[in-house]
Structure formats: C-alpha cells, structure tokens
PDB file of N, CA and C in Angstrom:
ATOM      1  N   UNK A   1     -18.552 -12.022  30.400  1.00  0.00           N
ATOM      2  CA  UNK A   1     -18.394 -12.207  29.272  1.00  0.00           C
ATOM      3  C   UNK A   1     -19.841 -12.875  28.621  1.00  0.00           C
ATOM      4  N   UNK A   2     -20.315 -12.113  27.386  1.00  0.00           N
ATOM      5  CA  UNK A   2     -21.620 -12.260  26.985  1.00  0.00           C
ATOM      6  C   UNK A   2     -21.037 -12.936  26.117  1.00  0.00           C
ATOM      7  N   UNK A   3     -22.540 -13.939  25.752  1.00  0.00           N
ATOM      8  CA  UNK A   3     -22.829 -14.868  24.888  1.00  0.00           C
ATOM      9  C   UNK A   3     -21.647 -14.519  23.538  1.00  0.00           C
ATOM     10  N   UNK A   4     -22.307 -13.502  22.998  1.00  0.00           N
ATOM     11  CA  UNK A   4     -21.991 -12.886  21.205  1.00  0.00           C
ATOM     12  C   UNK A   4     -20.607 -13.125  21.660  1.00  0.00           C
ATOM     13  N   UNK A   5     -19.522 -12.106  22.405  1.00  0.00           N
ATOM     14  CA  UNK A   5     -18.330 -12.153  22.571  1.00  0.00           C
ATOM     15  C   UNK A   5     -17.712 -13.383  22.897  1.00  0.00           C
ATOM     16  N   UNK A   6     -18.112 -14.643  23.278  1.00  0.00           N
ATOM     17  CA  UNK A   6     -17.611 -15.858  23.178  1.00  0.00           C
ATOM     18  C   UNK A   6     -18.022 -16.602  22.100  1.00  0.00           C
ATOM     19  N   UNK A   7     -18.824 -16.419  21.532  1.00  0.00           N
ATOM     20  CA  UNK A   7     -18.779 -17.209  19.824  1.00  0.00           C
ATOM     21  C   UNK A   7     -17.855 -16.172  19.195  1.00  0.00           C
ATOM     22  N   UNK A   8     -17.974 -14.767  18.961  1.00  0.00           N
ATOM     23  CA  UNK A   8     -16.917 -14.539  18.002  1.00  0.00           C
ATOM     24  C   UNK A   8     -15.305 -14.898  18.400  1.00  0.00           C
ATOM     25  N   UNK A   9     -15.076 -15.185  20.475  1.00  0.00           N
ATOM     26  CA  UNK A   9     -13.982 -15.408  20.472  1.00  0.00           C
ATOM     27  C   UNK A   9     -13.783 -16.568  19.715  1.00  0.00           C
ATOM     28  N   UNK A  10     -14.439 -17.778  20.139  1.00  0.00           N
ATOM     29  CA  UNK A  10     -14.742 -19.266  19.673  1.00  0.00           C
ATOM     30  C   UNK A  10     -14.171 -18.977  18.185  1.00  0.00           C
ATOM     31  N   UNK A  11     -15.192 -18.328  17.116  1.00  0.00           N
ATOM     32  CA  UNK A  11     -14.938 -18.427  15.911  1.00  0.00           C
ATOM     33  C   UNK A  11     -13.426 -17.991  15.371  1.00  0.00           C
ATOM     34  N   UNK A  12     -12.644 -17.057  15.953  1.00  0.00           N
ATOM     35  CA  UNK A  12     -11.333 -16.759  15.648  1.00  0.00           C
ATOM     36  C   UNK A  12     -10.539 -18.007  16.574  1.00  0.00           C
ATOM     37  N   UNK A  13     -10.823 -18.152  17.249  1.00  0.00           N
ATOM     38  CA  UNK A  13      -9.979 -19.392  17.869  1.00  0.00           C
ATOM     39  C   UNK A  13     -10.101 -20.692  17.226  1.00  0.00           C
ATOM     40  N   UNK A  14     -10.937 -20.842  16.448  1.00  0.00           N
ATOM     41  CA  UNK A  14     -11.365 -22.236  15.593  1.00  0.00           C
ATOM     42  C   UNK A  14     -10.667 -21.606  14.509  1.00  0.00           C
ATOM     43  N   UNK A  15     -11.167 -20.720  13.835  1.00  0.00           N
ATOM     44  CA  UNK A  15     -10.089 -20.002  12.602  1.00  0.00           C
ATOM     45  C   UNK A  15      -8.717 -19.928  12.819  1.00  0.00           C
ATOM     46  N   UNK A  16      -7.974 -19.952  13.674  1.00  0.00           N
ATOM     47  CA  UNK A  16      -6.255 -19.907  13.855  1.00  0.00           C
ATOM     48  C   UNK A  16      -6.657 -21.218  13.937  1.00  0.00           C
ATOM     49  N   UNK A  17      -6.754 -22.299  14.538  1.00  0.00           N
ATOM     50  CA  UNK A  17      -6.704 -23.367  14.636  1.00  0.00           C
ATOM     51  C   UNK A  17      -6.911 -24.388  13.318  1.00  0.00           C
ATOM     52  N   UNK A  18      -7.877 -23.894  12.417  1.00  0.00           N
ATOM     53  CA  UNK A  18      -8.080 -24.401  11.363  1.00  0.00           C
ATOM     54  C   UNK A  18      -7.157 -24.128  10.031  1.00  0.00           C
ATOM     55  N   UNK A  19      -6.498 -23.021  10.371  1.00  0.00           N
ATOM     56  CA  UNK A  19      -5.497 -22.567   9.296  1.00  0.00           C
ATOM     57  C   UNK A  19      -4.041 -22.915   9.766  1.00  0.00           C
ATOM     58  N   UNK A  20      -4.069 -23.389  10.805  1.00  0.00           N
ATOM     59  CA  UNK A  20      -2.503 -23.927  11.213  1.00  0.00           C
ATOM     60  C   UNK A  20      -2.612 -25.739  10.625  1.00  0.00           C
ATOM     61  N   UNK A  21      -3.631 -26.101  10.858  1.00  0.00           N
ATOM     62  CA  UNK A  21      -3.727 -26.910  10.515  1.00  0.00           C
ATOM     63  C   UNK A  21      -3.833 -27.362   9.000  1.00  0.00           C
ATOM     64  N   UNK A  22      -4.841 -26.501   8.352  1.00  0.00           N
ATOM     65  CA  UNK A  22      -4.282 -25.896   6.854  1.00  0.00           C
ATOM     66  C   UNK A  22      -2.574 -26.034   6.331  1.00  0.00           C
ATOM     67  N   UNK A  23      -1.926 -25.416   7.156  1.00  0.00           N
ATOM     68  CA  UNK A  23      -0.751 -25.043   6.814  1.00  0.00           C
ATOM     69  C   UNK A  23       0.158 -26.218   7.276  1.00  0.00           C
ATOM     70  N   UNK A  24      -0.162 -27.129   8.041  1.00  0.00           N
ATOM     71  CA  UNK A  24       0.484 -28.230   8.535  1.00  0.00           C
ATOM     72  C   UNK A  24       0.076 -29.220   7.087  1.00  0.00           C
ATOM     73  N   UNK A  25      -0.742 -29.369   6.541  1.00  0.00           N
ATOM     74  CA  UNK A  25      -1.138 -30.444   5.378  1.00  0.00           C
ATOM     75  C   UNK A  25      -0.591 -29.495   4.086  1.00  0.00           C
ATOM     76  N   UNK A  26      -0.406 -28.252   3.881  1.00  0.00           N
ATOM     77  CA  UNK A  26       0.697 -27.501   2.937  1.00  0.00           C
ATOM     78  C   UNK A  26       1.623 -28.296   2.798  1.00  0.00           C
ATOM     79  N   UNK A  27       2.241 -27.724   4.168  1.00  0.00           N
ATOM     80  CA  UNK A  27       3.996 -28.181   4.187  1.00  0.00           C
ATOM     81  C   UNK A  27       4.083 -29.819   3.854  1.00  0.00           C
ATOM     82  N   UNK A  28       3.404 -30.543   4.081  1.00  0.00           N
ATOM     83  CA  UNK A  28       3.445 -32.112   3.907  1.00  0.00           C
ATOM     84  C   UNK A  28       3.655 -32.335   2.335  1.00  0.00           C
ATOM     85  N   UNK A  29       3.045 -31.296   1.359  1.00  0.00           N
ATOM     86  CA  UNK A  29       3.068 -31.862   0.312  1.00  0.00           C
ATOM     87  C   UNK A  29       4.550 -31.607  -0.308  1.00  0.00           C
ATOM     88  N   UNK A  30       4.879 -30.538   0.650  1.00  0.00           N
ATOM     89  CA  UNK A  30       5.914 -29.767  -0.308  1.00  0.00           C
ATOM     90  C   UNK A  30       7.325 -30.913  -0.027  1.00  0.00           C
ATOM     91  N   UNK A  31       8.337 -30.341  -1.123  1.00  0.00           N
ATOM     92  CA  UNK A  31       9.272 -31.014  -1.519  1.00  0.00           C
ATOM     93  C   UNK A  31      10.526 -30.995  -0.174  1.00  0.00           C
ATOM     94  N   UNK A  32      11.077 -31.962  -0.031  1.00  0.00           N
ATOM     95  CA  UNK A  32      12.118 -31.949   1.042  1.00  0.00           C
ATOM     96  C   UNK A  32      13.439 -31.592   1.344  1.00  0.00           C
ATOM     97  N   UNK A  33      13.311 -30.266   0.041  1.00  0.00           N
ATOM     98  CA  UNK A  33      14.517 -30.131   0.155  1.00  0.00           C
ATOM     99  C   UNK A  33      15.225 -29.518   1.561  1.00  0.00           C
ATOM    100  N   UNK A  34      16.528 -29.024   1.200  1.00  0.00           N
ATOM    101  CA  UNK A  34      17.222 -28.604   3.244  1.00  0.00           C
ATOM    102  C   UNK A  34      16.615 -27.039   3.342  1.00  0.00           C
ATOM    103  N   UNK A  35      16.380 -26.323   1.827  1.00  0.00           N
ATOM    104  CA  UNK A  35      15.636 -25.319   2.124  1.00  0.00           C
ATOM    105  C   UNK A  35      14.329 -25.378   2.792  1.00  0.00           C
ATOM    106  N   UNK A  36      13.396 -25.615   2.314  1.00  0.00           N
ATOM    107  CA  UNK A  36      11.942 -25.960   2.357  1.00  0.00           C
ATOM    108  C   UNK A  36      12.028 -26.187   3.796  1.00  0.00           C
ATOM    109  N   UNK A  37      13.032 -27.495   4.491  1.00  0.00           N
ATOM    110  CA  UNK A  37      13.381 -28.098   5.750  1.00  0.00           C
ATOM    111  C   UNK A  37      13.194 -26.847   6.937  1.00  0.00           C
ATOM    112  N   UNK A  38      13.838 -26.128   7.009  1.00  0.00           N
ATOM    113  CA  UNK A  38      14.141 -24.774   7.703  1.00  0.00           C
ATOM    114  C   UNK A  38      13.100 -24.115   7.636  1.00  0.00           C
ATOM    115  N   UNK A  39      12.749 -23.470   6.495  1.00  0.00           N
ATOM    116  CA  UNK A  39      11.530 -22.698   6.417  1.00  0.00           C
ATOM    117  C   UNK A  39      10.374 -23.338   6.584  1.00  0.00           C
ATOM    118  N   UNK A  40      10.130 -24.886   6.281  1.00  0.00           N
ATOM    119  CA  UNK A  40       8.631 -25.210   6.812  1.00  0.00           C
ATOM    120  C   UNK A  40       8.800 -25.029   8.275  1.00  0.00           C
ATOM    121  N   UNK A  41      10.089 -25.508   9.238  1.00  0.00           N
ATOM    122  CA  UNK A  41       9.910 -25.671  10.520  1.00  0.00           C
ATOM    123  C   UNK A  41       9.154 -23.746  10.707  1.00  0.00           C
ATOM    124  N   UNK A  42       9.534 -22.995  10.572  1.00  0.00           N
ATOM    125  CA  UNK A  42       9.479 -21.867  10.785  1.00  0.00           C
ATOM    126  C   UNK A  42       7.767 -21.494  10.736  1.00  0.00           C
ATOM    127  N   UNK A  43       7.208 -22.052   9.543  1.00  0.00           N
ATOM    128  CA  UNK A  43       6.207 -21.837   8.688  1.00  0.00           C
ATOM    129  C   UNK A  43       5.042 -22.418   9.632  1.00  0.00           C
ATOM    130  N   UNK A  44       5.589 -23.432  10.276  1.00  0.00           N
ATOM    131  CA  UNK A  44       4.476 -24.677  11.323  1.00  0.00           C
ATOM    132  C   UNK A  44       4.664 -23.347  12.457  1.00  0.00           C
ATOM    133  N   UNK A  45       5.649 -23.575  13.089  1.00  0.00           N
ATOM    134  CA  UNK A  45       5.404 -22.475  14.303  1.00  0.00           C
ATOM    135  C   UNK A  45       4.828 -21.287  14.227  1.00  0.00           C
ATOM    136  N   UNK A  46       5.268 -20.155  13.404  1.00  0.00           N
ATOM    137  CA  UNK A  46       4.383 -19.728  13.173  1.00  0.00           C
ATOM    138  C   UNK A  46       2.921 -19.391  13.042  1.00  0.00           C
ATOM    139  N   UNK A  47       2.345 -20.189  12.295  1.00  0.00           N
ATOM    140  CA  UNK A  47       1.070 -20.585  11.784  1.00  0.00           C
ATOM    141  C   UNK A  47       0.449 -21.105  12.931  1.00  0.00           C
ATOM    142  N   UNK A  48       1.159 -22.037  13.741  1.00  0.00           N
ATOM    143  CA  UNK A  48       0.405 -22.358  15.118  1.00  0.00           C
ATOM    144  C   UNK A  48       0.533 -21.048  16.506  1.00  0.00           C
ATOM    145  N   UNK A  49       1.569 -20.493  16.256  1.00  0.00           N
ATOM    146  CA  UNK A  49       2.085 -19.055  17.282  1.00  0.00           C
ATOM    147  C   UNK A  49       0.471 -18.840  17.470  1.00  0.00           C
ATOM    148  N   UNK A  50       0.060 -18.187  16.132  1.00  0.00           N
ATOM    149  CA  UNK A  50      -1.085 -17.236  16.029  1.00  0.00           C
ATOM    150  C   UNK A  50      -2.965 -17.690  17.095  1.00  0.00           C
ATOM    151  N   UNK A  51      -2.879 -18.702  16.696  1.00  0.00           N
ATOM    152  CA  UNK A  51      -3.977 -19.548  17.347  1.00  0.00           C
ATOM    153  C   UNK A  51      -3.748 -19.657  18.856  1.00  0.00           C
ATOM    154  N   UNK A  52      -2.593 -19.980  19.695  1.00  0.00           N
ATOM    155  CA  UNK A  52      -2.030 -20.266  20.867  1.00  0.00           C
ATOM    156  C   UNK A  52      -1.877 -18.912  21.215  1.00  0.00           C
ATOM    157  N   UNK A  53      -1.480 -18.026  20.421  1.00  0.00           N
ATOM    158  CA  UNK A  53      -1.241 -16.267  21.615  1.00  0.00           C
ATOM    159  C   UNK A  53      -2.866 -15.767  21.410  1.00  0.00           C
ATOM    160  N   UNK A  54      -3.897 -16.057  20.442  1.00  0.00           N
ATOM    161  CA  UNK A  54      -5.242 -15.839  20.529  1.00  0.00           C
ATOM    162  C   UNK A  54      -5.593 -16.042  21.927  1.00  0.00           C
ATOM    163  N   UNK A  55      -5.313 -17.624  21.830  1.00  0.00           N
ATOM    164  CA  UNK A  55      -6.034 -18.281  22.884  1.00  0.00           C
ATOM    165  C   UNK A  55      -5.566 -17.477  24.501  1.00  0.00           C
ATOM    166  N   UNK A  56      -4.371 -17.532  24.394  1.00  0.00           N
ATOM    167  CA  UNK A  56      -3.505 -17.085  25.993  1.00  0.00           C
ATOM    168  C   UNK A  56      -4.614 -14.839  26.095  1.00  0.00           C
ATOM    169  N   UNK A  57      -4.612 -14.730  24.851  1.00  0.00           N
ATOM    170  CA  UNK A  57      -5.103 -13.154  24.750  1.00  0.00           C
ATOM    171  C   UNK A  57      -6.483 -13.494  25.173  1.00  0.00           C
ATOM    172  N   UNK A  58      -7.037 -14.324  25.284  1.00  0.00           N
ATOM    173  CA  UNK A  58      -8.432 -14.818  26.233  1.00  0.00           C
ATOM    174  C   UNK A  58      -8.663 -14.834  26.870  1.00  0.00           C
ATOM    175  N   UNK A  59      -7.694 -15.609  27.620  1.00  0.00           N
ATOM    176  CA  UNK A  59      -7.502 -15.795  29.077  1.00  0.00           C
ATOM    177  C   UNK A  59      -6.571 -14.954  30.086  1.00  0.00           C
ATOM    178  N   UNK A  60      -6.126 -13.597  29.692  1.00  0.00           N
ATOM    179  CA  UNK A  60      -5.650 -12.604  29.728  1.00  0.00           C
ATOM    180  C   UNK A  60      -5.535 -12.316  30.818  1.00  0.00           C
ATOM    181  N   UNK A  61      -4.250 -11.368  31.863  1.00  0.00           N
ATOM    182  CA  UNK A  61      -4.285 -11.383  33.193  1.00  0.00           C
ATOM    183  C   UNK A  61      -5.050  -9.645  33.179  1.00  0.00           C
ATOM    184  N   UNK A  62      -5.388  -8.956  32.331  1.00  0.00           N
ATOM    185  CA  UNK A  62      -5.633  -7.597  32.387  1.00  0.00           C
ATOM    186  C   UNK A  62      -5.938  -7.344  31.116  1.00  0.00           C
ATOM    187  N   UNK A  63      -5.993  -5.734  30.413  1.00  0.00           N
ATOM    188  CA  UNK A  63      -5.736  -5.472  29.264  1.00  0.00           C
ATOM    189  C   UNK A  63      -4.380  -5.361  28.598  1.00  0.00           C
ATOM    190  N   UNK A  64      -3.436  -4.777  29.490  1.00  0.00           N
ATOM    191  CA  UNK A  64      -2.232  -4.503  28.803  1.00  0.00           C
ATOM    192  C   UNK A  64      -1.916  -5.706  28.255  1.00  0.00           C
ATOM    193  N   UNK A  65      -1.719  -6.997  29.052  1.00  0.00           N
ATOM    194  CA  UNK A  65      -1.473  -8.837  28.894  1.00  0.00           C
ATOM    195  C   UNK A  65      -2.086  -9.118  27.475  1.00  0.00           C
ATOM    196  N   UNK A  66      -3.929  -8.303  27.352  1.00  0.00           N
ATOM    197  CA  UNK A  66      -4.235  -8.844  26.167  1.00  0.00           C
ATOM    198  C   UNK A  66      -4.092  -8.307  25.046  1.00  0.00           C
ATOM    199  N   UNK A  67      -3.550  -6.871  24.964  1.00  0.00           N
ATOM    200  CA  UNK A  67      -3.088  -6.104  24.146  1.00  0.00           C
ATOM    201  C   UNK A  67      -1.661  -6.696  23.667  1.00  0.00           C
ATOM    202  N   UNK A  68      -0.941  -6.651  24.425  1.00  0.00           N
ATOM    203  CA  UNK A  68       0.165  -7.594  24.175  1.00  0.00           C
ATOM    204  C   UNK A  68       0.495  -8.941  23.562  1.00  0.00           C
ATOM    205  N   UNK A  69      -0.246  -9.712  23.588  1.00  0.00           N
ATOM    206  CA  UNK A  69      -1.018 -10.980  23.356  1.00  0.00           C
ATOM    207  C   UNK A  69      -1.217 -10.787  21.527  1.00  0.00           C
ATOM    208  N   UNK A  70      -2.120 -10.136  21.354  1.00  0.00           N
ATOM    209  CA  UNK A  70      -3.027  -9.687  19.794  1.00  0.00           C
ATOM    210  C   UNK A  70      -2.239  -9.476  19.485  1.00  0.00           C
ATOM    211  N   UNK A  71      -1.094  -8.680  19.943  1.00  0.00           N
ATOM    212  CA  UNK A  71      -0.003  -8.107  19.083  1.00  0.00           C
ATOM    213  C   UNK A  71       1.103  -9.329  18.410  1.00  0.00           C
ATOM    214  N   UNK A  72       1.219 -10.126  19.354  1.00  0.00           N
ATOM    215  CA  UNK A  72       2.095 -11.066  18.975  1.00  0.00           C
ATOM    216  C   UNK A  72       1.361 -11.679  18.080  1.00  0.00           C
ATOM    217  N   UNK A  73       0.098 -11.926  18.320  1.00  0.00           N
ATOM    218  CA  UNK A  73      -0.704 -12.641  16.734  1.00  0.00           C
ATOM    219  C   UNK A  73      -0.659 -12.056  15.761  1.00  0.00           C
ATOM    220  N   UNK A  74      -0.208 -10.776  15.685  1.00  0.00           N
ATOM    221  CA  UNK A  74      -0.265  -9.877  14.249  1.00  0.00           C
ATOM    222  C   UNK A  74       1.015 -10.324  13.861  1.00  0.00           C
ATOM    223  N   UNK A  75       1.941 -10.141  14.411  1.00  0.00           N
ATOM    224  CA  UNK A  75       3.358 -10.052  14.421  1.00  0.00           C
ATOM    225  C   UNK A  75       3.181 -11.787  13.851  1.00  0.00           C
ATOM    226  N   UNK A  76       2.902 -12.334  14.515  1.00  0.00           N
ATOM    227  CA  UNK A  76       3.072 -14.239  13.920  1.00  0.00           C
ATOM    228  C   UNK A  76       2.559 -14.315  12.613  1.00  0.00           C
ATOM    229  N   UNK A  77       1.116 -13.131  12.267  1.00  0.00           N
ATOM    230  CA  UNK A  77       0.745 -13.529  10.991  1.00  0.00           C
ATOM    231  C   UNK A  77       1.393 -13.008   9.851  1.00  0.00           C
ATOM    232  N   UNK A  78       1.886 -12.001  10.048  1.00  0.00           N
ATOM    233  CA  UNK A  78       2.804 -11.418   9.218  1.00  0.00           C
ATOM    234  C   UNK A  78       4.278 -12.279   8.827  1.00  0.00           C
ATOM    235  N   UNK A  79       4.617 -12.899  10.231  1.00  0.00           N
ATOM    236  CA  UNK A  79       5.343 -14.037   9.726  1.00  0.00           C
ATOM    237  C   UNK A  79       5.473 -14.986   9.115  1.00  0.00           C
ATOM    238  N   UNK A  80       4.115 -15.388   8.887  1.00  0.00           N
ATOM    239  CA  UNK A  80       3.597 -16.558   8.530  1.00  0.00           C
ATOM    240  C   UNK A  80       3.439 -16.266   7.150  1.00  0.00           C
ATOM    241  N   UNK A  81       3.175 -15.343   7.135  1.00  0.00           N
ATOM    242  CA  UNK A  81       3.337 -14.838   5.145  1.00  0.00           C
ATOM    243  C   UNK A  81       4.153 -15.069   4.316  1.00  0.00           C
ATOM    244  N   UNK A  82       5.394 -14.196   5.360  1.00  0.00           N
ATOM    245  CA  UNK A  82       6.769 -14.168   4.954  1.00  0.00           C
ATOM    246  C   UNK A  82       7.171 -15.287   4.538  1.00  0.00           C
ATOM    247  N   UNK A  83       6.905 -16.871   5.689  1.00  0.00           N
ATOM    248  CA  UNK A  83       7.331 -17.860   5.174  1.00  0.00           C
ATOM    249  C   UNK A  83       6.914 -18.792   4.249  1.00  0.00           C
ATOM    250  N   UNK A  84       5.411 -18.753   4.079  1.00  0.00           N
ATOM    251  CA  UNK A  84       4.936 -18.983   3.145  1.00  0.00           C
ATOM    252  C   UNK A  84       4.789 -18.527   1.479  1.00  0.00           C
ATOM    253  N   UNK A  85       5.701 -17.112   1.318  1.00  0.00           N
ATOM    254  CA  UNK A  85       6.153 -16.634   0.365  1.00  0.00           C
ATOM    255  C   UNK A  85       7.336 -17.093  -0.383  1.00  0.00           C
ATOM    256  N   UNK A  86       8.224 -17.707   0.765  1.00  0.00           N
ATOM    257  CA  UNK A  86       9.324 -18.073   0.393  1.00  0.00           C
ATOM    258  C   UNK A  86       9.709 -19.638   0.359  1.00  0.00           C
ATOM    259  N   UNK A  87       8.626 -20.584   1.284  1.00  0.00           N
ATOM    260  CA  UNK A  87       8.735 -21.646   0.796  1.00  0.00           C
ATOM    261  C   UNK A  87       8.712 -22.073  -0.693  1.00  0.00           C
ATOM    262  N   UNK A  88       9.691 -23.137  -1.090  1.00  0.00           N
ATOM    263  CA  UNK A  88       9.650 -23.416  -2.536  1.00  0.00           C
ATOM    264  C   UNK A  88       8.182 -24.848  -2.515  1.00  0.00           C
ATOM    265  N   UNK A  89       7.522 -23.981  -3.259  1.00  0.00           N
ATOM    266  CA  UNK A  89       6.218 -24.970  -4.177  1.00  0.00           C
ATOM    267  C   UNK A  89       6.896 -25.946  -5.247  1.00  0.00           C
ATOM    268  N   UNK A  90       7.803 -25.764  -5.754  1.00  0.00           N
ATOM    269  CA  UNK A  90       8.116 -26.417  -7.383  1.00  0.00           C
ATOM    270  C   UNK A  90       7.531 -26.240  -7.843  1.00  0.00           C
ATOM    271  N   UNK A  91       6.693 -25.239  -8.261  1.00  0.00           N
ATOM    272  CA  UNK A  91       5.973 -24.831  -9.699  1.00  0.00           C
ATOM    273  C   UNK A  91       5.141 -25.145  -9.692  1.00  0.00           C
ATOM    274  N   UNK A  92       4.404 -26.565  -8.989  1.00  0.00           N
ATOM    275  CA  UNK A  92       3.635 -27.060  -9.415  1.00  0.00           C
ATOM    276  C   UNK A  92       1.834 -26.230  -9.007  1.00  0.00           C
ATOM    277  N   UNK A  93       1.026 -25.923  -9.829  1.00  0.00           N
ATOM    278  CA  UNK A  93      -0.193 -25.054 -10.244  1.00  0.00           C
ATOM    279  C   UNK A  93      -0.932 -25.590  -8.771  1.00  0.00           C
ATOM    280  N   UNK A  94      -1.244 -26.597  -8.554  1.00  0.00           N
ATOM    281  CA  UNK A  94      -2.047 -26.948  -6.983  1.00  0.00           C
ATOM    282  C   UNK A  94      -1.191 -26.335  -5.689  1.00  0.00           C
ATOM    283  N   UNK A  95      -0.125 -26.691  -5.692  1.00  0.00           N
ATOM    284  CA  UNK A  95       0.529 -25.884  -4.461  1.00  0.00           C
ATOM    285  C   UNK A  95       0.448 -24.443  -4.236  1.00  0.00           C
ATOM    286  N   UNK A  96       0.792 -23.838  -5.562  1.00  0.00           N
ATOM    287  CA  UNK A  96       0.845 -22.409  -5.514  1.00  0.00           C
ATOM    288  C   UNK A  96      -0.705 -22.111  -5.307  1.00  0.00           C
ATOM    289  N   UNK A  97      -1.692 -22.797  -5.817  1.00  0.00           N
ATOM    290  CA  UNK A  97      -3.360 -22.061  -5.219  1.00  0.00           C
ATOM    291  C   UNK A  97      -3.556 -22.079  -3.924  1.00  0.00           C
ATOM    292  N   UNK A  98      -3.129 -23.188  -3.412  1.00  0.00           N
ATOM    293  CA  UNK A  98      -2.793 -23.615  -2.651  1.00  0.00           C
ATOM    294  C   UNK A  98      -2.303 -22.714  -1.179  1.00  0.00           C
ATOM    295  N   UNK A  99      -1.250 -22.371  -1.337  1.00  0.00           N
ATOM    296  CA  UNK A  99      -0.042 -20.826  -1.033  1.00  0.00           C
ATOM    297  C   UNK A  99      -0.754 -19.907  -1.195  1.00  0.00           C
ATOM    298  N   UNK A 100      -1.138 -19.494  -2.366  1.00  0.00           N
ATOM    299  CA  UNK A 100      -2.451 -17.925  -2.117  1.00  0.00           C
ATOM    300  C   UNK A 100      -3.159 -18.528  -1.594  1.00  0.00           C
ATOM    301  N   UNK A 101      -3.914 -19.267  -0.952  1.00  0.00           N
ATOM    302  CA  UNK A 101      -4.954 -19.112  -0.077  1.00  0.00           C
ATOM    303  C   UNK A 101      -4.907 -19.211   0.906  1.00  0.00           C
ATOM    304  N   UNK A 102      -3.697 -19.905   1.305  1.00  0.00           N
ATOM    305  CA  UNK A 102      -3.638 -19.567   2.774  1.00  0.00           C
ATOM    306  C   UNK A 102      -2.512 -18.223   3.318  1.00  0.00           C
ATOM    307  N   UNK A 103      -1.945 -17.453   2.293  1.00  0.00           N
ATOM    308  CA  UNK A 103      -1.304 -16.616   2.487  1.00  0.00           C
ATOM    309  C   UNK A 103      -2.359 -15.452   2.357  1.00  0.00           C
ATOM    310  N   UNK A 104      -3.690 -15.548   1.555  1.00  0.00           N
ATOM    311  CA  UNK A 104      -4.659 -14.466   1.564  1.00  0.00           C
ATOM    312  C   UNK A 104      -5.465 -14.571   3.071  1.00  0.00           C
ATOM    313  N   UNK A 105      -5.910 -15.889   3.903  1.00  0.00           N
ATOM    314  CA  UNK A 105      -6.344 -16.061   4.822  1.00  0.00           C
ATOM    315  C   UNK A 105      -5.425 -15.493   6.205  1.00  0.00           C
ATOM    316  N   UNK A 106      -4.171 -15.680   6.322  1.00  0.00           N
ATOM    317  CA  UNK A 106      -2.728 -14.833   7.146  1.00  0.00           C
ATOM    318  C   UNK A 106      -3.292 -13.450   6.889  1.00  0.00           C
ATOM    319  N   UNK A 107      -3.494 -13.087   5.808  1.00  0.00           N
ATOM    320  CA  UNK A 107      -3.648 -11.836   5.188  1.00  0.00           C
ATOM    321  C   UNK A 107      -4.724 -11.040   6.246  1.00  0.00           C
ATOM    322  N   UNK A 108      -5.828 -11.579   6.262  1.00  0.00           N
ATOM    323  CA  UNK A 108      -7.430 -11.869   6.765  1.00  0.00           C
ATOM    324  C   UNK A 108      -7.451 -11.418   8.395  1.00  0.00           C
ATOM    325  N   UNK A 109      -5.915 -12.944   8.462  1.00  0.00           N
ATOM    326  CA  UNK A 109      -5.996 -12.753  10.268  1.00  0.00           C
ATOM    327  C   UNK A 109      -5.571 -11.476  10.537  1.00  0.00           C
ATOM    328  N   UNK A 110      -4.214 -11.410   9.746  1.00  0.00           N
ATOM    329  CA  UNK A 110      -3.349 -10.081  10.245  1.00  0.00           C
ATOM    330  C   UNK A 110      -4.215  -9.093  10.047  1.00  0.00           C
ATOM    331  N   UNK A 111      -4.917  -8.284   9.389  1.00  0.00           N
ATOM    332  CA  UNK A 111      -6.350  -7.449   9.165  1.00  0.00           C
ATOM    333  C   UNK A 111      -7.079  -7.466  10.443  1.00  0.00           C
ATOM    334  N   UNK A 112      -7.979  -9.065  11.130  1.00  0.00           N
ATOM    335  CA  UNK A 112      -8.392  -8.947  12.184  1.00  0.00           C
ATOM    336  C   UNK A 112      -7.911  -8.518  13.325  1.00  0.00           C
ATOM    337  N   UNK A 113      -6.826  -9.290  13.509  1.00  0.00           N
ATOM    338  CA  UNK A 113      -6.253  -8.632  14.718  1.00  0.00           C
ATOM    339  C   UNK A 113      -5.773  -7.263  14.981  1.00  0.00           C
ATOM    340  N   UNK A 114      -5.136  -6.709  13.692  1.00  0.00           N
ATOM    341  CA  UNK A 114      -4.795  -4.941  13.610  1.00  0.00           C
ATOM    342  C   UNK A 114      -6.150  -4.528  14.234  1.00  0.00           C
ATOM    343  N   UNK A 115      -7.663  -4.911  13.787  1.00  0.00           N
ATOM    344  CA  UNK A 115      -8.699  -4.186  14.058  1.00  0.00           C
ATOM    345  C   UNK A 115      -8.945  -4.093  15.730  1.00  0.00           C
ATOM    346  N   UNK A 116      -8.826  -5.355  16.006  1.00  0.00           N
ATOM    347  CA  UNK A 116      -8.767  -5.916  17.440  1.00  0.00           C
ATOM    348  C   UNK A 116      -8.108  -4.917  18.514  1.00  0.00           C
ATOM    349  N   UNK A 117      -6.714  -4.930  17.505  1.00  0.00           N
ATOM    350  CA  UNK A 117      -5.670  -3.584  18.593  1.00  0.00           C
ATOM    351  C   UNK A 117      -6.511  -2.098  18.524  1.00  0.00           C
ATOM    352  N   UNK A 118      -6.870  -1.805  17.339  1.00  0.00           N
ATOM    353  CA  UNK A 118      -7.672  -0.636  17.142  1.00  0.00           C
ATOM    354  C   UNK A 118      -8.955  -0.371  18.201  1.00  0.00           C
ATOM    355  N   UNK A 119      -9.323  -1.736  18.436  1.00  0.00           N
ATOM    356  CA  UNK A 119     -10.273  -1.336  19.412  1.00  0.00           C
ATOM    357  C   UNK A 119     -10.186  -1.314  20.819  1.00  0.00           C
ATOM    358  N   UNK A 120      -9.276  -2.049  20.882  1.00  0.00           N
ATOM    359  CA  UNK A 120      -9.208  -1.948  22.233  1.00  0.00           C
ATOM    360  C   UNK A 120      -7.928  -1.009  23.144  1.00  0.00           C
ATOM    361  N   UNK A 121      -7.573   0.236  22.248  1.00  0.00           N
ATOM    362  CA  UNK A 121      -7.160   0.999  22.381  1.00  0.00           C
ATOM    363  C   UNK A 121      -8.064   2.066  23.521  1.00  0.00           C
TER     364      UNK A 121
END
C-alpha cells in the first residue's frame, strides 16, 4: 500500500471517528425523553458503526469483503441521517444547528462511501 493511500485511509478513519464523537456529544445535550432515549441509542450505534466498518474494510480479506464493508458504511450513514432527523432537539436553535451540521457531514460521508463503491467496481 502506498503512502498516499494510507494517508487517505487515515483521514477517513479519523473523520468517521470525529463524526461519531461529535454525535455522542450532541446526544448528551438532548432532553432525556423516552422517545429520545431509544432514538439516541440507535443514533450512537449507527454513527459509530460507520467508522468501525471502515476500519474493517481497510483490513479486508479481499475485494469482495472490502466492497461489502463499504456498503455497510454507506448504509450506516443513511441510517444515521434518519436518526438525526428523528431525535427531538426541543426546538432549541443551537441544537438544531448542530443537528444540521451532523446531517451534512453524514451526507458527505455517505457520498464518499458511494464514490468508493463506484471506484471499486
């Protein structure tokens, strides 16, 4: 593996890690309603799964395994967007802005994973 590819992988590994960490920080600020409790658990899982599966993809056993893991990353990105839209931010502007930033990042990550899949064909 060449140095440029390693740097790109590291950047995306770091980016997905930061996204998951930022998502967890956002969740901590949300009201503790019954609905949010369940939605937050799903949001935390899907946001972390993106990066974990990307790491797995980089350690894949072959091209089929790599493509499979990247498809999971894309799927988890879509799921994260869903949960971000669903959680109740209580109408607080600061939280709504933070949610939108997270949604925008999840959309970008989804597009990146989609582009990786296209290049892997």
